Amino acid sequence: MWDTDGMSAPRTQGGWWLASDGNWYPPETHPDHWVTPETAAAYINGRWVSAKELASLTQGPTKRQRKRRIRRWITMATVTAMVVGAVWLLTRPSAASLSDFDGTGSAQAASSLNVPSFPLRISQILASSTLRIVSLGCSSDTYGQGSGWPIAPHYVVTAAHVVAGRHEFAVQVPGGKTYLASVASFSPSADVAVLYVPGTRFAALSVANADASSSPVLAAGYPGGGPEQLVTSTLSGISTQTVPFPTLHSRLVVIFEAPSIGPGDSGGPVINSGGQVVGMMIDAGGGEVAAALPSQMWGPLASGIGQTSAVGTGACPS
């Protein structure tokens, strides 16, 4: 038998212990039943402790315990880093934060694809392939906007003046996603730029020389940053016209009449009845549209396709 005065340790008798209700209970019911007074090495902080636990309290953690703690800390740190990284990826600013023109973060698709003189299939291809270009720069709160079209799976063509002087770029798919982009080729003399858009697999439009005068053409773009618009017209011909970028100068362009085309359409494709790009809109004025000839695009296109590093975009248009 073992007994105490009930002050420094619980009263026990043959392993049984006296509870506060005045009853004796067997050892297995005691919170510390695995360490009895007969086998305990000390009574610390209101409970019996074994010799092994007493050694750990007085000598510190063993080598195995230290390794176990370190592994726990590493696991906790790794899990925390993964959670923080996942939260950052989900909440970080995306390309859509450049602008939210239509309230959905994506370019609004054309409301109607029924275009006179063009098969529905051709207008569908053009509508789905005409992209909105969003850019930031030139002033802290001014967004540039224009149009573009795919020339290769990761590459989009637009007018150079759409991205001139700007430093952040995004491409918006009609009714779909927004992708960050960089400028892979910039040719102000030809008013042509090629954007590199990683993470995309665009279906490229084919390019052909402009047909003779009076040939039907179909143009697409985002006038005023609004919804996509398809406009049908006929070529007035290929002639020398004065265009404003980078400075006023004369150049050979495709001309067609389209009074409803204006700012925001720049960079948009002009296609023939076969769905091939025969020009790219670069200037609209007086009801006529000047479009860059395919022959003027070959140099910038060749230097941009395949490039992944960004190039400068010069000064802001005056």
C-alpha atoms as a PDB file:
ATOM      1  CA  MET A   1       0.000   0.000   0.000  1.00  0.00           C
ATOM      2  CA  TRP A   2       1.031   3.589  -0.648  1.00  0.00           C
ATOM      3  CA  ASP A   3      -0.485   6.687   0.882  1.00  0.00           C
ATOM      4  CA  THR A   4       0.038  10.457   1.148  1.00  0.00           C
ATOM      5  CA  ASP A   5      -1.425  13.273   3.120  1.00  0.00           C
ATOM      6  CA  GLY A   6      -3.547  14.289   0.098  1.00  0.00           C
ATOM      7  CA  MET A   7      -1.746  17.611  -0.315  1.00  0.00           C
ATOM      8  CA  SER A   8       1.113  17.009  -2.801  1.00  0.00           C
ATOM      9  CA  ALA A   9      -0.354  14.000  -4.640  1.00  0.00           C
ATOM     10  CA  PRO A  10      -3.628  12.120  -5.055  1.00  0.00           C
ATOM     11  CA  ARG A  11      -4.413   9.582  -2.311  1.00  0.00           C
ATOM     12  CA  THR A  12      -3.944   6.017  -3.580  1.00  0.00           C
ATOM     13  CA  GLN A  13      -4.182   2.518  -2.122  1.00  0.00           C
ATOM     14  CA  GLY A  14      -2.941  -0.535  -3.991  1.00  0.00           C
ATOM     15  CA  GLY A  15      -3.136   1.389  -7.253  1.00  0.00           C
ATOM     16  CA  TRP A  16      -6.710   2.526  -6.581  1.00  0.00           C
ATOM     17  CA  TRP A  17      -7.198   6.275  -6.288  1.00  0.00           C
ATOM     18  CA  LEU A  18      -9.539   8.420  -4.253  1.00  0.00           C
ATOM     19  CA  ALA A  19     -11.673  10.796  -6.322  1.00  0.00           C
ATOM     20  CA  SER A  20     -13.169  14.084  -5.152  1.00  0.00           C
ATOM     21  CA  ASP A  21     -16.573  12.375  -4.822  1.00  0.00           C
ATOM     22  CA  GLY A  22     -15.146  10.224  -1.981  1.00  0.00           C
ATOM     23  CA  ASN A  23     -15.109   6.987  -3.995  1.00  0.00           C
ATOM     24  CA  TRP A  24     -12.142   4.750  -4.821  1.00  0.00           C
ATOM     25  CA  TYR A  25     -11.564   3.879  -8.513  1.00  0.00           C
ATOM     26  CA  PRO A  26      -9.284   1.305 -10.190  1.00  0.00           C
ATOM     27  CA  PRO A  27      -5.990   2.423 -11.741  1.00  0.00           C
ATOM     28  CA  GLU A  28      -7.180   2.144 -15.359  1.00  0.00           C
ATOM     29  CA  THR A  29      -9.791   4.863 -14.791  1.00  0.00           C
ATOM     30  CA  HIS A  30      -7.273   7.437 -13.601  1.00  0.00           C
ATOM     31  CA  PRO A  31      -6.074  10.011 -16.190  1.00  0.00           C
ATOM     32  CA  ASP A  32      -2.523   9.052 -15.336  1.00  0.00           C
ATOM     33  CA  HIS A  33      -3.187   5.362 -14.781  1.00  0.00           C
ATOM     34  CA  TRP A  34      -0.262   4.382 -16.996  1.00  0.00           C
ATOM     35  CA  VAL A  35       2.064   5.885 -14.426  1.00  0.00           C
ATOM     36  CA  THR A  36       1.251   4.787 -10.868  1.00  0.00           C
ATOM     37  CA  PRO A  37       2.863   6.227  -7.784  1.00  0.00           C
ATOM     38  CA  GLU A  38       4.800   2.976  -7.401  1.00  0.00           C
ATOM     39  CA  THR A  39       6.347   3.356 -10.899  1.00  0.00           C
ATOM     40  CA  ALA A  40       6.528   7.144 -11.095  1.00  0.00           C
ATOM     41  CA  ALA A  41       9.773   9.048 -10.871  1.00  0.00           C
ATOM     42  CA  ALA A  42       8.236  12.342  -9.788  1.00  0.00           C
ATOM     43  CA  TYR A  43       5.013  14.269  -9.308  1.00  0.00           C
ATOM     44  CA  ILE A  44       5.110  17.434 -11.455  1.00  0.00           C
ATOM     45  CA  ASN A  45       2.373  19.989 -12.201  1.00  0.00           C
ATOM     46  CA  GLY A  46      -0.340  17.898 -10.595  1.00  0.00           C
ATOM     47  CA  ARG A  47       0.438  14.536 -12.217  1.00  0.00           C
ATOM     48  CA  TRP A  48       2.780  11.563 -11.967  1.00  0.00           C
ATOM     49  CA  VAL A  49       5.521  11.332 -14.591  1.00  0.00           C
ATOM     50  CA  SER A  50       7.731   8.423 -15.576  1.00  0.00           C
ATOM     51  CA  ALA A  51      11.503   8.400 -15.465  1.00  0.00           C
ATOM     52  CA  LYS A  52      11.631   8.653 -19.268  1.00  0.00           C
ATOM     53  CA  GLU A  53       9.368  11.715 -19.333  1.00  0.00           C
ATOM     54  CA  LEU A  54      11.278  13.257 -16.446  1.00  0.00           C
ATOM     55  CA  ALA A  55      14.508  12.850 -18.420  1.00  0.00           C
ATOM     56  CA  SER A  56      12.977  14.541 -21.460  1.00  0.00           C
ATOM     57  CA  LEU A  57      11.752  17.417 -19.296  1.00  0.00           C
ATOM     58  CA  THR A  58      15.109  17.950 -17.679  1.00  0.00           C
ATOM     59  CA  GLN A  59      17.411  17.096 -20.582  1.00  0.00           C
ATOM     60  CA  GLY A  60      15.406  18.544 -23.490  1.00  0.00           C
ATOM     61  CA  PRO A  61      14.181  16.729 -26.621  1.00  0.00           C
ATOM     62  CA  THR A  62      16.071  13.722 -27.936  1.00  0.00           C
ATOM     63  CA  LYS A  63      17.729  13.658 -31.348  1.00  0.00           C
ATOM     64  CA  ARG A  64      14.792  11.711 -32.778  1.00  0.00           C
ATOM     65  CA  GLN A  65      12.317  14.189 -31.293  1.00  0.00           C
ATOM     66  CA  ARG A  66      14.253  17.119 -32.751  1.00  0.00           C
ATOM     67  CA  LYS A  67      14.229  15.497 -36.208  1.00  0.00           C
ATOM     68  CA  ARG A  68      10.515  14.854 -35.895  1.00  0.00           C
ATOM     69  CA  ARG A  69       9.873  18.509 -34.987  1.00  0.00           C
ATOM     70  CA  ILE A  70      11.994  19.750 -37.874  1.00  0.00           C
ATOM     71  CA  ARG A  71      10.073  17.525 -40.302  1.00  0.00           C
ATOM     72  CA  ARG A  72       6.795  18.871 -38.908  1.00  0.00           C
ATOM     73  CA  TRP A  73       7.983  22.473 -39.308  1.00  0.00           C
ATOM     74  CA  ILE A  74       9.118  21.822 -42.896  1.00  0.00           C
ATOM     75  CA  THR A  75       5.790  20.194 -43.754  1.00  0.00           C
ATOM     76  CA  MET A  76       3.828  23.062 -42.204  1.00  0.00           C
ATOM     77  CA  ALA A  77       5.970  25.663 -44.007  1.00  0.00           C
ATOM     78  CA  THR A  78       5.542  23.846 -47.341  1.00  0.00           C
ATOM     79  CA  VAL A  79       1.774  23.577 -46.951  1.00  0.00           C
ATOM     80  CA  THR A  80       1.546  27.237 -45.936  1.00  0.00           C
ATOM     81  CA  ALA A  81       3.608  28.325 -48.947  1.00  0.00           C
ATOM     82  CA  MET A  82       1.416  26.262 -51.281  1.00  0.00           C
ATOM     83  CA  VAL A  83      -1.769  27.756 -49.836  1.00  0.00           C
ATOM     84  CA  VAL A  84      -0.410  31.308 -50.044  1.00  0.00           C
ATOM     85  CA  GLY A  85       0.755  30.684 -53.625  1.00  0.00           C
ATOM     86  CA  ALA A  86      -2.614  29.292 -54.649  1.00  0.00           C
ATOM     87  CA  VAL A  87      -4.429  32.276 -53.124  1.00  0.00           C
ATOM     88  CA  TRP A  88      -2.068  34.672 -54.928  1.00  0.00           C
ATOM     89  CA  LEU A  89      -2.614  32.939 -58.264  1.00  0.00           C
ATOM     90  CA  LEU A  90      -6.378  33.105 -57.824  1.00  0.00           C
ATOM     91  CA  THR A  91      -6.446  36.751 -56.733  1.00  0.00           C
ATOM     92  CA  ARG A  92      -3.561  38.321 -58.664  1.00  0.00           C
ATOM     93  CA  PRO A  93      -4.466  41.038 -61.211  1.00  0.00           C
ATOM     94  CA  SER A  94      -5.046  39.527 -64.654  1.00  0.00           C
ATOM     95  CA  ALA A  95      -5.026  41.034 -68.111  1.00  0.00           C
ATOM     96  CA  ALA A  96      -8.700  41.798 -67.664  1.00  0.00           C
ATOM     97  CA  SER A  97      -7.735  44.375 -65.033  1.00  0.00           C
ATOM     98  CA  LEU A  98      -6.357  46.506 -67.875  1.00  0.00           C
ATOM     99  CA  SER A  99      -9.936  47.271 -68.751  1.00  0.00           C
ATOM    100  CA  ASP A 100     -13.440  45.924 -68.502  1.00  0.00           C
ATOM    101  CA  PHE A 101     -14.997  47.734 -71.417  1.00  0.00           C
ATOM    102  CA  ASP A 102     -18.195  45.720 -71.738  1.00  0.00           C
ATOM    103  CA  GLY A 103     -18.608  44.621 -68.122  1.00  0.00           C
ATOM    104  CA  THR A 104     -17.639  41.000 -68.805  1.00  0.00           C
ATOM    105  CA  GLY A 105     -13.890  41.299 -69.247  1.00  0.00           C
ATOM    106  CA  SER A 106     -14.063  39.964 -72.803  1.00  0.00           C
ATOM    107  CA  ALA A 107     -14.752  41.347 -76.255  1.00  0.00           C
ATOM    108  CA  GLN A 108     -18.408  41.291 -77.256  1.00  0.00           C
ATOM    109  CA  ALA A 109     -19.016  39.174 -80.329  1.00  0.00           C
ATOM    110  CA  ALA A 110     -20.783  40.595 -83.345  1.00  0.00           C
ATOM    111  CA  SER A 111     -24.553  40.689 -82.870  1.00  0.00           C
ATOM    112  CA  SER A 112     -25.255  39.657 -86.458  1.00  0.00           C
ATOM    113  CA  LEU A 113     -23.336  37.464 -88.886  1.00  0.00           C
ATOM    114  CA  ASN A 114     -25.768  37.829 -91.764  1.00  0.00           C
ATOM    115  CA  VAL A 115     -23.669  39.855 -94.191  1.00  0.00           C
ATOM    116  CA  PRO A 116     -24.764  40.453 -97.791  1.00  0.00           C
ATOM    117  CA  SER A 117     -22.543  38.964-100.513  1.00  0.00           C
ATOM    118  CA  PHE A 118     -20.670  36.710 -98.079  1.00  0.00           C
ATOM    119  CA  PRO A 119     -21.404  33.096 -97.083  1.00  0.00           C
ATOM    120  CA  LEU A 120     -22.306  32.630 -93.419  1.00  0.00           C
ATOM    121  CA  ARG A 121     -19.267  30.387 -92.967  1.00  0.00           C
ATOM    122  CA  ILE A 122     -16.888  33.155 -94.035  1.00  0.00           C
ATOM    123  CA  SER A 123     -18.484  35.763 -91.764  1.00  0.00           C
ATOM    124  CA  GLN A 124     -18.358  33.285 -88.883  1.00  0.00           C
ATOM    125  CA  ILE A 125     -14.651  32.701 -89.424  1.00  0.00           C
ATOM    126  CA  LEU A 126     -13.952  36.425 -89.555  1.00  0.00           C
ATOM    127  CA  ALA A 127     -16.070  37.197 -86.478  1.00  0.00           C
ATOM    128  CA  SER A 128     -14.379  34.519 -84.364  1.00  0.00           C
ATOM    129  CA  SER A 129     -10.898  35.501 -85.583  1.00  0.00           C
ATOM    130  CA  THR A 130     -11.107  39.269 -85.035  1.00  0.00           C
ATOM    131  CA  LEU A 131      -9.629  40.094 -81.632  1.00  0.00           C
ATOM    132  CA  ARG A 132      -9.739  43.190 -79.480  1.00  0.00           C
ATOM    133  CA  ILE A 133      -6.381  44.680 -78.498  1.00  0.00           C
ATOM    134  CA  VAL A 134      -6.161  46.467 -75.150  1.00  0.00           C
ATOM    135  CA  SER A 135      -3.073  48.428 -74.099  1.00  0.00           C
ATOM    136  CA  LEU A 136      -1.998  50.653 -71.238  1.00  0.00           C
ATOM    137  CA  GLY A 137       0.428  53.553 -71.330  1.00  0.00           C
ATOM    138  CA  CYS A 138       0.969  57.044 -72.724  1.00  0.00           C
ATOM    139  CA  SER A 139      -1.011  58.346 -69.725  1.00  0.00           C
ATOM    140  CA  SER A 140      -1.700  56.624 -66.421  1.00  0.00           C
ATOM    141  CA  ASP A 141      -5.457  56.373 -66.835  1.00  0.00           C
ATOM    142  CA  THR A 142      -5.828  56.028 -70.608  1.00  0.00           C
ATOM    143  CA  TYR A 143      -6.415  52.680 -72.263  1.00  0.00           C
ATOM    144  CA  GLY A 144      -5.586  52.128 -75.899  1.00  0.00           C
ATOM    145  CA  GLN A 145      -7.844  49.888 -77.902  1.00  0.00           C
ATOM    146  CA  GLY A 146      -7.859  48.496 -81.377  1.00  0.00           C
ATOM    147  CA  SER A 147      -8.416  45.308 -83.323  1.00  0.00           C
ATOM    148  CA  GLY A 148      -6.240  42.449 -84.524  1.00  0.00           C
ATOM    149  CA  TRP A 149      -6.235  39.023 -86.137  1.00  0.00           C
ATOM    150  CA  PRO A 150      -4.187  35.806 -85.797  1.00  0.00           C
ATOM    151  CA  ILE A 151      -1.352  35.113 -88.207  1.00  0.00           C
ATOM    152  CA  ALA A 152      -0.003  32.053 -86.328  1.00  0.00           C
ATOM    153  CA  PRO A 153      -1.052  29.958 -83.276  1.00  0.00           C
ATOM    154  CA  HIS A 154       0.594  32.331 -80.741  1.00  0.00           C
ATOM    155  CA  TYR A 155       0.795  35.523 -82.823  1.00  0.00           C
ATOM    156  CA  VAL A 156      -1.642  38.348 -83.555  1.00  0.00           C
ATOM    157  CA  VAL A 157      -1.281  41.185 -86.073  1.00  0.00           C
ATOM    158  CA  THR A 158      -2.467  44.729 -85.366  1.00  0.00           C
ATOM    159  CA  ALA A 159      -1.653  48.260 -86.450  1.00  0.00           C
ATOM    160  CA  ALA A 160       1.544  49.664 -84.962  1.00  0.00           C
ATOM    161  CA  HIS A 161      -0.174  52.877 -83.856  1.00  0.00           C
ATOM    162  CA  VAL A 162      -2.549  50.806 -81.664  1.00  0.00           C
ATOM    163  CA  VAL A 163       0.372  49.783 -79.396  1.00  0.00           C
ATOM    164  CA  ALA A 164       2.801  52.681 -79.979  1.00  0.00           C
ATOM    165  CA  GLY A 165       4.274  54.102 -76.765  1.00  0.00           C
ATOM    166  CA  ARG A 166       2.459  51.628 -74.538  1.00  0.00           C
ATOM    167  CA  HIS A 167       3.851  49.066 -72.123  1.00  0.00           C
ATOM    168  CA  GLU A 168       1.069  46.621 -71.166  1.00  0.00           C
ATOM    169  CA  PHE A 169      -0.895  44.615 -73.705  1.00  0.00           C
ATOM    170  CA  ALA A 170      -3.768  42.145 -73.740  1.00  0.00           C
ATOM    171  CA  VAL A 171      -5.727  40.295 -76.386  1.00  0.00           C
ATOM    172  CA  GLN A 172      -9.436  39.633 -75.871  1.00  0.00           C
ATOM    173  CA  VAL A 173     -11.179  36.786 -77.701  1.00  0.00           C
ATOM    174  CA  PRO A 174     -14.780  37.429 -78.827  1.00  0.00           C
ATOM    175  CA  GLY A 175     -17.042  36.328 -76.000  1.00  0.00           C
ATOM    176  CA  GLY A 176     -14.126  34.509 -74.354  1.00  0.00           C
ATOM    177  CA  LYS A 177     -10.918  34.927 -72.406  1.00  0.00           C
ATOM    178  CA  THR A 178      -8.355  37.695 -72.069  1.00  0.00           C
ATOM    179  CA  TYR A 179      -4.643  36.924 -72.545  1.00  0.00           C
ATOM    180  CA  LEU A 180      -1.569  38.962 -71.677  1.00  0.00           C
ATOM    181  CA  ALA A 181       0.607  39.734 -74.673  1.00  0.00           C
ATOM    182  CA  SER A 182       3.911  41.348 -75.622  1.00  0.00           C
ATOM    183  CA  VAL A 183       5.053  43.075 -78.802  1.00  0.00           C
ATOM    184  CA  ALA A 184       7.314  40.769 -80.837  1.00  0.00           C
ATOM    185  CA  SER A 185       7.660  43.049 -83.873  1.00  0.00           C
ATOM    186  CA  PHE A 186       7.013  46.773 -84.290  1.00  0.00           C
ATOM    187  CA  SER A 187       7.261  48.551 -87.650  1.00  0.00           C
ATOM    188  CA  PRO A 188       5.987  52.150 -87.559  1.00  0.00           C
ATOM    189  CA  SER A 189       6.861  52.789 -91.211  1.00  0.00           C
ATOM    190  CA  ALA A 190       4.519  49.995 -92.303  1.00  0.00           C
ATOM    191  CA  ASP A 191       2.142  50.611 -89.346  1.00  0.00           C
ATOM    192  CA  VAL A 192       2.250  46.908 -88.516  1.00  0.00           C
ATOM    193  CA  ALA A 193       2.910  45.192 -85.177  1.00  0.00           C
ATOM    194  CA  VAL A 194       2.962  41.524 -84.209  1.00  0.00           C
ATOM    195  CA  LEU A 195       1.950  40.495 -80.686  1.00  0.00           C
ATOM    196  CA  TYR A 196       3.165  37.331 -78.991  1.00  0.00           C
ATOM    197  CA  VAL A 197       0.334  35.738 -76.967  1.00  0.00           C
ATOM    198  CA  PRO A 198       1.540  32.692 -74.986  1.00  0.00           C
ATOM    199  CA  GLY A 199      -0.977  30.098 -73.890  1.00  0.00           C
ATOM    200  CA  THR A 200      -3.070  30.351 -77.061  1.00  0.00           C
ATOM    201  CA  ARG A 201      -3.586  28.245 -80.172  1.00  0.00           C
ATOM    202  CA  PHE A 202      -5.247  30.631 -82.595  1.00  0.00           C
ATOM    203  CA  ALA A 203      -6.451  29.416 -85.979  1.00  0.00           C
ATOM    204  CA  ALA A 204      -4.472  31.624 -88.344  1.00  0.00           C
ATOM    205  CA  LEU A 205      -6.078  33.567 -91.185  1.00  0.00           C
ATOM    206  CA  SER A 206      -4.457  33.217 -94.602  1.00  0.00           C
ATOM    207  CA  VAL A 207      -3.190  36.265 -96.513  1.00  0.00           C
ATOM    208  CA  ALA A 208      -3.575  37.060-100.219  1.00  0.00           C
ATOM    209  CA  ASN A 209      -3.034  39.982-102.581  1.00  0.00           C
ATOM    210  CA  ALA A 210      -5.943  42.368-103.041  1.00  0.00           C
ATOM    211  CA  ASP A 211      -8.173  41.679-106.033  1.00  0.00           C
ATOM    212  CA  ALA A 212      -9.117  44.163-108.720  1.00  0.00           C
ATOM    213  CA  SER A 213     -11.428  47.119-108.052  1.00  0.00           C
ATOM    214  CA  SER A 214     -15.100  46.480-107.237  1.00  0.00           C
ATOM    215  CA  SER A 215     -14.268  43.194-105.524  1.00  0.00           C
ATOM    216  CA  PRO A 216     -16.399  42.601-102.420  1.00  0.00           C
ATOM    217  CA  VAL A 217     -14.609  42.791 -99.073  1.00  0.00           C
ATOM    218  CA  LEU A 218     -15.642  42.214 -95.482  1.00  0.00           C
ATOM    219  CA  ALA A 219     -13.997  44.104 -92.600  1.00  0.00           C
ATOM    220  CA  ALA A 220     -14.248  43.504 -88.857  1.00  0.00           C
ATOM    221  CA  GLY A 221     -13.237  45.458 -85.779  1.00  0.00           C
ATOM    222  CA  TYR A 222     -14.317  47.042 -82.505  1.00  0.00           C
ATOM    223  CA  PRO A 223     -15.254  50.663 -83.295  1.00  0.00           C
ATOM    224  CA  GLY A 224     -15.037  52.897 -80.243  1.00  0.00           C
ATOM    225  CA  GLY A 225     -14.147  49.930 -78.043  1.00  0.00           C
ATOM    226  CA  GLY A 226     -17.715  48.651 -78.381  1.00  0.00           C
ATOM    227  CA  PRO A 227     -19.020  45.331 -79.672  1.00  0.00           C
ATOM    228  CA  GLU A 228     -17.479  43.696 -82.709  1.00  0.00           C
ATOM    229  CA  GLN A 229     -18.832  44.968 -86.011  1.00  0.00           C
ATOM    230  CA  LEU A 230     -18.740  43.404 -89.472  1.00  0.00           C
ATOM    231  CA  VAL A 231     -18.974  45.738 -92.456  1.00  0.00           C
ATOM    232  CA  THR A 232     -19.245  44.753 -96.103  1.00  0.00           C
ATOM    233  CA  SER A 233     -18.023  46.959 -98.925  1.00  0.00           C
ATOM    234  CA  THR A 234     -16.278  46.881-102.276  1.00  0.00           C
ATOM    235  CA  LEU A 235     -12.733  47.853-103.083  1.00  0.00           C
ATOM    236  CA  SER A 236     -12.330  51.288-104.610  1.00  0.00           C
ATOM    237  CA  GLY A 237      -8.886  50.322-105.741  1.00  0.00           C
ATOM    238  CA  ILE A 238      -5.260  50.464-104.705  1.00  0.00           C
ATOM    239  CA  SER A 239      -3.852  53.957-104.665  1.00  0.00           C
ATOM    240  CA  THR A 240      -1.383  56.292-102.982  1.00  0.00           C
ATOM    241  CA  GLN A 241      -2.923  58.054 -99.989  1.00  0.00           C
ATOM    242  CA  THR A 242      -1.702  60.257 -97.145  1.00  0.00           C
ATOM    243  CA  VAL A 243      -1.794  58.425 -93.793  1.00  0.00           C
ATOM    244  CA  PRO A 244      -1.042  59.972 -90.380  1.00  0.00           C
ATOM    245  CA  PHE A 245       1.265  57.455 -88.689  1.00  0.00           C
ATOM    246  CA  PRO A 246       4.027  57.742 -87.649  1.00  0.00           C
ATOM    247  CA  THR A 247       3.902  61.149 -89.338  1.00  0.00           C
ATOM    248  CA  LEU A 248       1.907  62.365 -92.314  1.00  0.00           C
ATOM    249  CA  HIS A 249       3.252  60.537 -95.338  1.00  0.00           C
ATOM    250  CA  SER A 250       2.083  58.969 -98.602  1.00  0.00           C
ATOM    251  CA  ARG A 251       1.873  55.245 -99.099  1.00  0.00           C
ATOM    252  CA  LEU A 252       0.173  52.709-101.310  1.00  0.00           C
ATOM    253  CA  VAL A 253      -2.983  51.365 -99.636  1.00  0.00           C
ATOM    254  CA  VAL A 254      -6.195  49.469-100.320  1.00  0.00           C
ATOM    255  CA  ILE A 255      -9.190  51.818-100.353  1.00  0.00           C
ATOM    256  CA  PHE A 256     -12.836  50.912 -99.718  1.00  0.00           C
ATOM    257  CA  GLU A 257     -15.884  52.801 -98.513  1.00  0.00           C
ATOM    258  CA  ALA A 258     -17.200  52.118 -94.996  1.00  0.00           C
ATOM    259  CA  PRO A 259     -18.701  55.179 -93.245  1.00  0.00           C
ATOM    260  CA  SER A 260     -19.385  53.279 -89.989  1.00  0.00           C
ATOM    261  CA  ILE A 261     -15.737  52.379 -89.384  1.00  0.00           C
ATOM    262  CA  GLY A 262     -13.694  54.527 -87.016  1.00  0.00           C
ATOM    263  CA  PRO A 263     -11.266  54.536 -84.032  1.00  0.00           C
ATOM    264  CA  GLY A 264     -10.995  51.094 -82.455  1.00  0.00           C
ATOM    265  CA  ASP A 265     -11.181  49.359 -85.843  1.00  0.00           C
ATOM    266  CA  SER A 266      -7.483  49.967 -86.531  1.00  0.00           C
ATOM    267  CA  GLY A 267      -5.679  46.668 -86.994  1.00  0.00           C
ATOM    268  CA  GLY A 268      -8.845  44.832 -87.980  1.00  0.00           C
ATOM    269  CA  PRO A 269      -8.687  42.446 -90.954  1.00  0.00           C
ATOM    270  CA  VAL A 270     -10.219  43.064 -94.384  1.00  0.00           C
ATOM    271  CA  ILE A 271     -10.990  39.795 -96.172  1.00  0.00           C
ATOM    272  CA  ASN A 272     -12.115  38.767 -99.631  1.00  0.00           C
ATOM    273  CA  SER A 273     -14.942  36.368-100.468  1.00  0.00           C
ATOM    274  CA  GLY A 274     -12.573  33.449 -99.969  1.00  0.00           C
ATOM    275  CA  GLY A 275     -11.855  34.415 -96.358  1.00  0.00           C
ATOM    276  CA  GLN A 276      -8.292  35.607 -97.063  1.00  0.00           C
ATOM    277  CA  VAL A 277      -6.874  38.800 -95.569  1.00  0.00           C
ATOM    278  CA  VAL A 278      -6.264  41.349 -98.344  1.00  0.00           C
ATOM    279  CA  GLY A 279      -5.673  44.332 -96.079  1.00  0.00           C
ATOM    280  CA  MET A 280      -5.514  45.627 -92.490  1.00  0.00           C
ATOM    281  CA  MET A 281      -7.344  48.788 -91.466  1.00  0.00           C
ATOM    282  CA  ILE A 282      -4.987  51.604 -90.548  1.00  0.00           C
ATOM    283  CA  ASP A 283      -6.935  54.825 -91.146  1.00  0.00           C
ATOM    284  CA  ALA A 284     -10.534  55.927 -91.663  1.00  0.00           C
ATOM    285  CA  GLY A 285     -11.648  59.325 -92.788  1.00  0.00           C
ATOM    286  CA  GLY A 286     -14.267  60.905 -94.999  1.00  0.00           C
ATOM    287  CA  GLY A 287     -16.149  57.634 -95.321  1.00  0.00           C
ATOM    288  CA  GLU A 288     -13.118  55.849 -96.799  1.00  0.00           C
ATOM    289  CA  VAL A 289     -10.849  53.318 -95.150  1.00  0.00           C
ATOM    290  CA  ALA A 290      -7.156  52.924 -95.893  1.00  0.00           C
ATOM    291  CA  ALA A 291      -5.879  49.390 -95.378  1.00  0.00           C
ATOM    292  CA  ALA A 292      -2.281  48.210 -95.400  1.00  0.00           C
ATOM    293  CA  LEU A 293      -1.421  45.954 -98.328  1.00  0.00           C
ATOM    294  CA  PRO A 294      -0.258  42.385 -97.593  1.00  0.00           C
ATOM    295  CA  SER A 295       3.000  43.106 -99.442  1.00  0.00           C
ATOM    296  CA  GLN A 296       3.738  45.831 -96.860  1.00  0.00           C
ATOM    297  CA  MET A 297       3.186  43.390 -93.997  1.00  0.00           C
ATOM    298  CA  TRP A 298       5.568  40.618 -94.993  1.00  0.00           C
ATOM    299  CA  GLY A 299       8.681  42.168 -93.451  1.00  0.00           C
ATOM    300  CA  PRO A 300       7.199  42.862 -89.986  1.00  0.00           C
ATOM    301  CA  LEU A 301       5.348  39.536 -90.009  1.00  0.00           C
ATOM    302  CA  ALA A 302       8.470  37.572 -90.867  1.00  0.00           C
ATOM    303  CA  SER A 303      10.497  39.300 -88.146  1.00  0.00           C
ATOM    304  CA  GLY A 304       7.790  38.849 -85.500  1.00  0.00           C
ATOM    305  CA  ILE A 305       6.566  35.282 -85.926  1.00  0.00           C
ATOM    306  CA  GLY A 306       8.691  32.964 -83.819  1.00  0.00           C
ATOM    307  CA  GLN A 307       9.965  35.755 -81.549  1.00  0.00           C
ATOM    308  CA  THR A 308       9.090  35.554 -77.831  1.00  0.00           C
ATOM    309  CA  SER A 309      11.079  38.468 -76.423  1.00  0.00           C
ATOM    310  CA  ALA A 310       9.444  41.885 -76.276  1.00  0.00           C
ATOM    311  CA  VAL A 311      10.577  44.873 -78.341  1.00  0.00           C
ATOM    312  CA  GLY A 312      10.055  48.578 -77.770  1.00  0.00           C
ATOM    313  CA  THR A 313       7.067  50.423 -79.195  1.00  0.00           C
ATOM    314  CA  GLY A 314       8.506  53.896 -79.643  1.00  0.00           C
ATOM    315  CA  ALA A 315       6.742  57.084 -78.654  1.00  0.00           C
ATOM    316  CA  CYS A 316       3.043  57.680 -78.182  1.00  0.00           C
ATOM    317  CA  PRO A 317       1.182  58.813 -81.316  1.00  0.00           C
ATOM    318  CA  SER A 318       0.853  62.590 -81.493  1.00  0.00           C
END
